[in-house]
PDB file of all heavy atoms in Angstrom:
ATOM      1  N   VAL A   1       0.862  -1.160  -0.039  1.00  0.00           N
ATOM      2  CA  VAL A   1       0.014   0.067   0.000  1.00  0.00           C
ATOM      3  C   VAL A   1       0.931   1.356  -0.017  1.00  0.00           C
ATOM      4  O   VAL A   1       1.788   1.350   0.863  1.00  0.00           O
ATOM      5  CB  VAL A   1      -1.002  -0.022   1.204  1.00  0.00           C
ATOM      6  CG1 VAL A   1      -1.702   1.252   1.314  1.00  0.00           C
ATOM      7  CG2 VAL A   1      -1.904  -1.216   1.267  1.00  0.00           C
ATOM      8  N   LYS A   2       0.594   2.155  -0.901  1.00  0.00           N
ATOM      9  CA  LYS A   2       1.467   3.490  -0.964  1.00  0.00           C
ATOM     10  C   LYS A   2       0.752   4.451   0.012  1.00  0.00           C
ATOM     11  O   LYS A   2      -0.460   4.705  -0.130  1.00  0.00           O
ATOM     12  CB  LYS A   2       1.370   3.946  -2.461  1.00  0.00           C
ATOM     13  CG  LYS A   2       2.179   5.114  -2.592  1.00  0.00           C
ATOM     14  CD  LYS A   2       3.617   4.839  -2.981  1.00  0.00           C
ATOM     15  CE  LYS A   2       4.369   6.022  -3.396  1.00  0.00           C
ATOM     16  NZ  LYS A   2       5.705   5.994  -3.062  1.00  0.00           N
ATOM     17  N   VAL A   3       1.625   4.987   0.894  1.00  0.00           N
ATOM     18  CA  VAL A   3       1.148   5.912   1.863  1.00  0.00           C
ATOM     19  C   VAL A   3       2.177   7.027   1.798  1.00  0.00           C
ATOM     20  O   VAL A   3       3.283   6.986   2.468  1.00  0.00           O
ATOM     21  CB  VAL A   3       1.029   5.342   3.229  1.00  0.00           C
ATOM     22  CG1 VAL A   3       0.524   6.324   4.266  1.00  0.00           C
ATOM     23  CG2 VAL A   3       0.227   4.078   3.346  1.00  0.00           C
ATOM     24  N   GLY A   4       1.832   8.123   1.198  1.00  0.00           N
ATOM     25  CA  GLY A   4       2.734   9.207   1.089  1.00  0.00           C
ATOM     26  C   GLY A   4       3.910   8.828   0.173  1.00  0.00           C
ATOM     27  O   GLY A   4       3.841   8.174  -0.858  1.00  0.00           O
ATOM     28  N   ASP A   5       5.136   9.102   0.807  1.00  0.00           N
ATOM     29  CA  ASP A   5       6.365   8.682   0.132  1.00  0.00           C
ATOM     30  C   ASP A   5       6.832   7.189   0.518  1.00  0.00           C
ATOM     31  O   ASP A   5       7.869   6.886   0.186  1.00  0.00           O
ATOM     32  CB  ASP A   5       7.406   9.581   0.563  1.00  0.00           C
ATOM     33  CG  ASP A   5       7.208  11.040  -0.071  1.00  0.00           C
ATOM     34  OD1 ASP A   5       6.466  11.179  -1.028  1.00  0.00           O
ATOM     35  OD2 ASP A   5       7.715  11.975   0.530  1.00  0.00           O
ATOM     36  N   ALA A   6       5.964   6.496   1.257  1.00  0.00           N
ATOM     37  CA  ALA A   6       6.340   5.120   1.597  1.00  0.00           C
ATOM     38  C   ALA A   6       5.400   4.114   1.029  1.00  0.00           C
ATOM     39  O   ALA A   6       4.260   4.364   0.747  1.00  0.00           O
ATOM     40  CB  ALA A   6       6.155   5.076   3.240  1.00  0.00           C
ATOM     41  N   THR A   7       5.971   2.913   1.029  1.00  0.00           N
ATOM     42  CA  THR A   7       5.142   1.740   0.608  1.00  0.00           C
ATOM     43  C   THR A   7       5.216   0.813   1.743  1.00  0.00           C
ATOM     44  O   THR A   7       6.222   0.336   2.222  1.00  0.00           O
ATOM     45  CB  THR A   7       5.720   1.088  -0.714  1.00  0.00           C
ATOM     46  OG1 THR A   7       5.789   2.220  -1.742  1.00  0.00           O
ATOM     47  CG2 THR A   7       4.812   0.019  -1.141  1.00  0.00           C
ATOM     48  N   LEU A   8       3.964   0.469   2.216  1.00  0.00           N
ATOM     49  CA  LEU A   8       3.895  -0.425   3.327  1.00  0.00           C
ATOM     50  C   LEU A   8       3.278  -1.868   2.896  1.00  0.00           C
ATOM     51  O   LEU A   8       2.413  -1.831   2.093  1.00  0.00           O
ATOM     52  CB  LEU A   8       2.851   0.092   4.435  1.00  0.00           C
ATOM     53  CG  LEU A   8       3.209   1.457   4.949  1.00  0.00           C
ATOM     54  CD1 LEU A   8       2.178   2.079   5.908  1.00  0.00           C
ATOM     55  CD2 LEU A   8       4.512   1.469   5.744  1.00  0.00           C
ATOM     56  N   PRO A   9       3.828  -2.809   3.507  1.00  0.00           N
ATOM     57  CA  PRO A   9       3.272  -4.164   3.160  1.00  0.00           C
ATOM     58  C   PRO A   9       1.935  -4.406   3.722  1.00  0.00           C
ATOM     59  O   PRO A   9       1.500  -3.795   4.627  1.00  0.00           O
ATOM     60  CB  PRO A   9       4.243  -5.100   3.734  1.00  0.00           C
ATOM     61  CG  PRO A   9       4.778  -4.336   5.072  1.00  0.00           C
ATOM     62  CD  PRO A   9       4.835  -2.893   4.592  1.00  0.00           C
ATOM     63  N   SER A  10       1.089  -5.168   2.972  1.00  0.00           N
ATOM     64  CA  SER A  10      -0.232  -5.498   3.464  1.00  0.00           C
ATOM     65  C   SER A  10      -0.177  -6.435   4.635  1.00  0.00           C
ATOM     66  O   SER A  10      -1.173  -6.527   5.314  1.00  0.00           O
ATOM     67  CB  SER A  10      -1.224  -6.007   2.370  1.00  0.00           C
ATOM     68  OG  SER A  10      -0.662  -6.174   1.157  1.00  0.00           O
ATOM     69  N   THR A  11       0.940  -7.179   4.794  1.00  0.00           N
ATOM     70  CA  THR A  11       1.079  -8.147   5.962  1.00  0.00           C
ATOM     71  C   THR A  11       2.493  -7.940   6.587  1.00  0.00           C
ATOM     72  O   THR A  11       3.443  -7.651   5.822  1.00  0.00           O
ATOM     73  CB  THR A  11       1.026  -9.590   5.364  1.00  0.00           C
ATOM     74  OG1 THR A  11      -0.163  -9.836   4.705  1.00  0.00           O
ATOM     75  CG2 THR A  11       1.158 -10.535   6.453  1.00  0.00           C
ATOM     76  N   LEU A  12       2.447  -7.872   7.906  1.00  0.00           N
ATOM     77  CA  LEU A  12       3.679  -7.676   8.716  1.00  0.00           C
ATOM     78  C   LEU A  12       3.916  -8.971   9.438  1.00  0.00           C
ATOM     79  O   LEU A  12       3.019  -9.407  10.151  1.00  0.00           O
ATOM     80  CB  LEU A  12       3.580  -6.579   9.660  1.00  0.00           C
ATOM     81  CG  LEU A  12       4.663  -6.174  10.537  1.00  0.00           C
ATOM     82  CD1 LEU A  12       5.905  -5.712   9.693  1.00  0.00           C
ATOM     83  CD2 LEU A  12       4.267  -5.118  11.552  1.00  0.00           C
ATOM     84  N   THR A  13       5.089  -9.635   9.172  1.00  0.00           N
ATOM     85  CA  THR A  13       5.336 -10.842   9.820  1.00  0.00           C
ATOM     86  C   THR A  13       6.452 -10.638  10.843  1.00  0.00           C
ATOM     87  O   THR A  13       7.624 -10.064  10.594  1.00  0.00           O
ATOM     88  CB  THR A  13       5.768 -11.943   8.950  1.00  0.00           C
ATOM     89  OG1 THR A  13       4.547 -12.130   7.962  1.00  0.00           O
ATOM     90  CG2 THR A  13       5.945 -13.224   9.569  1.00  0.00           C
ATOM     91  N   PHE A  14       6.242 -11.124  12.077  1.00  0.00           N
ATOM     92  CA  PHE A  14       7.234 -10.930  13.212  1.00  0.00           C
ATOM     93  C   PHE A  14       7.298 -12.290  14.021  1.00  0.00           C
ATOM     94  O   PHE A  14       6.157 -12.587  14.448  1.00  0.00           O
ATOM     95  CB  PHE A  14       6.948  -9.706  14.092  1.00  0.00           C
ATOM     96  CG  PHE A  14       8.009  -9.586  15.128  1.00  0.00           C
ATOM     97  CD1 PHE A  14       9.244  -8.930  14.918  1.00  0.00           C
ATOM     98  CD2 PHE A  14       7.660  -9.872  16.563  1.00  0.00           C
ATOM     99  CE1 PHE A  14      10.140  -8.796  15.821  1.00  0.00           C
ATOM    100  CE2 PHE A  14       8.579  -9.712  17.431  1.00  0.00           C
ATOM    101  CZ  PHE A  14       9.799  -9.156  17.143  1.00  0.00           C
ATOM    102  N   LYS A  15       8.385 -12.925  14.042  1.00  0.00           N
ATOM    103  CA  LYS A  15       8.524 -14.203  14.725  1.00  0.00           C
ATOM    104  C   LYS A  15       7.328 -15.172  14.464  1.00  0.00           C
ATOM    105  O   LYS A  15       6.656 -15.657  15.317  1.00  0.00           O
ATOM    106  CB  LYS A  15       8.582 -14.009  16.225  1.00  0.00           C
ATOM    107  CG  LYS A  15       9.845 -13.273  16.698  1.00  0.00           C
ATOM    108  CD  LYS A  15       9.973 -13.193  18.169  1.00  0.00           C
ATOM    109  CE  LYS A  15      11.264 -12.626  18.533  1.00  0.00           C
ATOM    110  NZ  LYS A  15      11.564 -12.685  19.939  1.00  0.00           N
ATOM    111  N   GLU A  16       7.047 -15.415  13.186  1.00  0.00           N
ATOM    112  CA  GLU A  16       6.098 -16.316  12.592  1.00  0.00           C
ATOM    113  C   GLU A  16       4.743 -15.882  12.855  1.00  0.00           C
ATOM    114  O   GLU A  16       3.740 -16.592  12.500  1.00  0.00           O
ATOM    115  CB  GLU A  16       6.415 -17.763  13.112  1.00  0.00           C
ATOM    116  CG  GLU A  16       7.732 -18.248  12.695  1.00  0.00           C
ATOM    117  CD  GLU A  16       8.035 -19.687  13.181  1.00  0.00           C
ATOM    118  OE1 GLU A  16       6.986 -20.411  13.486  1.00  0.00           O
ATOM    119  OE2 GLU A  16       9.285 -20.053  13.164  1.00  0.00           O
ATOM    120  N   GLN A  17       4.557 -14.679  13.300  1.00  0.00           N
ATOM    121  CA  GLN A  17       3.141 -14.182  13.537  1.00  0.00           C
ATOM    122  C   GLN A  17       2.904 -13.183  12.413  1.00  0.00           C
ATOM    123  O   GLN A  17       3.563 -12.167  12.229  1.00  0.00           O
ATOM    124  CB  GLN A  17       3.007 -13.404  14.886  1.00  0.00           C
ATOM    125  CG  GLN A  17       1.720 -12.682  15.099  1.00  0.00           C
ATOM    126  CD  GLN A  17       0.545 -13.655  15.282  1.00  0.00           C
ATOM    127  OE1 GLN A  17       0.558 -14.584  16.208  1.00  0.00           O
ATOM    128  NE2 GLN A  17      -0.515 -13.479  14.464  1.00  0.00           N
ATOM    129  N   SER A  18       1.871 -13.481  11.647  1.00  0.00           N
ATOM    130  CA  SER A  18       1.398 -12.558  10.386  1.00  0.00           C
ATOM    131  C   SER A  18       0.381 -11.643  10.953  1.00  0.00           C
ATOM    132  O   SER A  18      -0.741 -12.154  11.452  1.00  0.00           O
ATOM    133  CB  SER A  18       1.046 -13.371   9.322  1.00  0.00           C
ATOM    134  OG  SER A  18       2.170 -14.038   8.716  1.00  0.00           O
ATOM    135  N   LEU A  19       0.412 -10.411  10.639  1.00  0.00           N
ATOM    136  CA  LEU A  19      -0.572  -9.452  11.010  1.00  0.00           C
ATOM    137  C   LEU A  19      -0.943  -8.698   9.702  1.00  0.00           C
ATOM    138  O   LEU A  19      -0.118  -8.429   8.819  1.00  0.00           O
ATOM    139  CB  LEU A  19      -0.060  -8.462  11.987  1.00  0.00           C
ATOM    140  CG  LEU A  19       0.347  -9.011  13.401  1.00  0.00           C
ATOM    141  CD1 LEU A  19       1.174  -8.001  14.148  1.00  0.00           C
ATOM    142  CD2 LEU A  19      -0.840  -9.631  14.100  1.00  0.00           C
ATOM    143  N   ASP A  20      -2.192  -8.382   9.563  1.00  0.00           N
ATOM    144  CA  ASP A  20      -2.799  -7.795   8.304  1.00  0.00           C
ATOM    145  C   ASP A  20      -2.878  -6.233   8.570  1.00  0.00           C
ATOM    146  O   ASP A  20      -3.207  -5.834   9.655  1.00  0.00           O
ATOM    147  CB  ASP A  20      -4.025  -8.373   7.887  1.00  0.00           C
ATOM    148  CG  ASP A  20      -3.964  -9.685   7.541  1.00  0.00           C
ATOM    149  OD1 ASP A  20      -2.972 -10.111   6.861  1.00  0.00           O
ATOM    150  OD2 ASP A  20      -4.951 -10.542   7.824  1.00  0.00           O
ATOM    151  N   LEU A  21      -2.639  -5.521   7.543  1.00  0.00           N
ATOM    152  CA  LEU A  21      -2.812  -4.090   7.547  1.00  0.00           C
ATOM    153  C   LEU A  21      -4.172  -3.665   7.780  1.00  0.00           C
ATOM    154  O   LEU A  21      -5.073  -4.049   7.118  1.00  0.00           O
ATOM    155  CB  LEU A  21      -2.260  -3.493   6.349  1.00  0.00           C
ATOM    156  CG  LEU A  21      -2.246  -1.922   6.100  1.00  0.00           C
ATOM    157  CD1 LEU A  21      -1.326  -1.313   7.047  1.00  0.00           C
ATOM    158  CD2 LEU A  21      -1.946  -1.520   4.723  1.00  0.00           C
ATOM    159  N   ASN A  22      -4.434  -2.921   8.845  1.00  0.00           N
ATOM    160  CA  ASN A  22      -5.766  -2.466   9.379  1.00  0.00           C
ATOM    161  C   ASN A  22      -6.009  -1.203   8.618  1.00  0.00           C
ATOM    162  O   ASN A  22      -7.154  -0.918   8.121  1.00  0.00           O
ATOM    163  CB  ASN A  22      -5.777  -2.432  10.747  1.00  0.00           C
ATOM    164  CG  ASN A  22      -7.293  -2.176  11.296  1.00  0.00           C
ATOM    165  OD1 ASN A  22      -8.072  -3.024  11.266  1.00  0.00           O
ATOM    166  ND2 ASN A  22      -7.590  -0.955  11.713  1.00  0.00           N
ATOM    167  N   GLY A  23      -4.967  -0.256   8.736  1.00  0.00           N
ATOM    168  CA  GLY A  23      -5.287   1.055   8.042  1.00  0.00           C
ATOM    169  C   GLY A  23      -3.845   1.766   8.037  1.00  0.00           C
ATOM    170  O   GLY A  23      -2.942   1.340   8.774  1.00  0.00           O
ATOM    171  N   ALA A  24      -3.699   2.839   7.279  1.00  0.00           N
ATOM    172  CA  ALA A  24      -2.421   3.497   7.232  1.00  0.00           C
ATOM    173  C   ALA A  24      -2.652   4.957   7.077  1.00  0.00           C
ATOM    174  O   ALA A  24      -3.676   5.396   6.467  1.00  0.00           O
ATOM    175  CB  ALA A  24      -1.597   2.897   6.076  1.00  0.00           C
ATOM    176  N   GLY A  25      -1.615   5.789   7.439  1.00  0.00           N
ATOM    177  CA  GLY A  25      -1.734   7.209   7.265  1.00  0.00           C
ATOM    178  C   GLY A  25      -0.410   7.901   7.504  1.00  0.00           C
ATOM    179  O   GLY A  25       0.523   7.207   7.602  1.00  0.00           O
ATOM    180  N   ILE A  26      -0.394   9.176   7.464  1.00  0.00           N
ATOM    181  CA  ILE A  26       0.836   9.920   7.563  1.00  0.00           C
ATOM    182  C   ILE A  26       0.743  10.846   8.732  1.00  0.00           C
ATOM    183  O   ILE A  26      -0.139  11.480   9.018  1.00  0.00           O
ATOM    184  CB  ILE A  26       0.981  10.887   6.347  1.00  0.00           C
ATOM    185  CG1 ILE A  26       1.006  10.061   4.942  1.00  0.00           C
ATOM    186  CG2 ILE A  26       2.154  11.756   6.423  1.00  0.00           C
ATOM    187  CD1 ILE A  26       0.857  10.851   3.757  1.00  0.00           C
ATOM    188  N   ARG A  27       1.915  10.754   9.577  1.00  0.00           N
ATOM    189  CA  ARG A  27       2.049  11.652  10.739  1.00  0.00           C
ATOM    190  C   ARG A  27       2.561  13.056  10.219  1.00  0.00           C
ATOM    191  O   ARG A  27       3.647  13.113   9.609  1.00  0.00           O
ATOM    192  CB  ARG A  27       2.975  11.083  11.733  1.00  0.00           C
ATOM    193  CG  ARG A  27       3.429  11.956  12.814  1.00  0.00           C
ATOM    194  CD  ARG A  27       2.233  12.308  13.760  1.00  0.00           C
ATOM    195  NE  ARG A  27       2.748  12.993  14.953  1.00  0.00           N
ATOM    196  CZ  ARG A  27       2.456  14.218  15.340  1.00  0.00           C
ATOM    197  NH1 ARG A  27       1.683  14.923  14.566  1.00  0.00           N
ATOM    198  NH2 ARG A  27       2.969  14.659  16.496  1.00  0.00           N
ATOM    199  N   LYS A  28       1.678  14.037  10.479  1.00  0.00           N
ATOM    200  CA  LYS A  28       2.037  15.376   9.962  1.00  0.00           C
ATOM    201  C   LYS A  28       2.194  16.254  11.241  1.00  0.00           C
ATOM    202  O   LYS A  28       1.494  16.051  12.172  1.00  0.00           O
ATOM    203  CB  LYS A  28       0.943  15.975   9.137  1.00  0.00           C
ATOM    204  CG  LYS A  28       0.773  15.115   7.852  1.00  0.00           C
ATOM    205  CD  LYS A  28      -0.523  15.730   7.056  1.00  0.00           C
ATOM    206  CE  LYS A  28      -0.724  14.802   5.946  1.00  0.00           C
ATOM    207  NZ  LYS A  28      -1.935  15.172   5.289  1.00  0.00           N
ATOM    208  N   LYS A  29       3.044  17.240  11.215  1.00  0.00           N
ATOM    209  CA  LYS A  29       3.215  18.139  12.181  1.00  0.00           C
ATOM    210  C   LYS A  29       3.405  19.504  11.490  1.00  0.00           C
ATOM    211  O   LYS A  29       4.315  19.673  10.604  1.00  0.00           O
ATOM    212  CB  LYS A  29       4.357  17.928  13.064  1.00  0.00           C
ATOM    213  CG  LYS A  29       4.332  18.856  14.383  1.00  0.00           C
ATOM    214  CD  LYS A  29       5.222  18.200  15.454  1.00  0.00           C
ATOM    215  CE  LYS A  29       5.065  19.045  16.657  1.00  0.00           C
ATOM    216  NZ  LYS A  29       5.781  18.513  17.841  1.00  0.00           N
TER     217      LYS A  29
END
């Protein structure tokens, strides 16, 4: 998923645990 200048994966895997992208956005100040 393209979010601003970044591309985020739809799945994040950590220690054999797969998590699905719930939502994404940009931190602005």
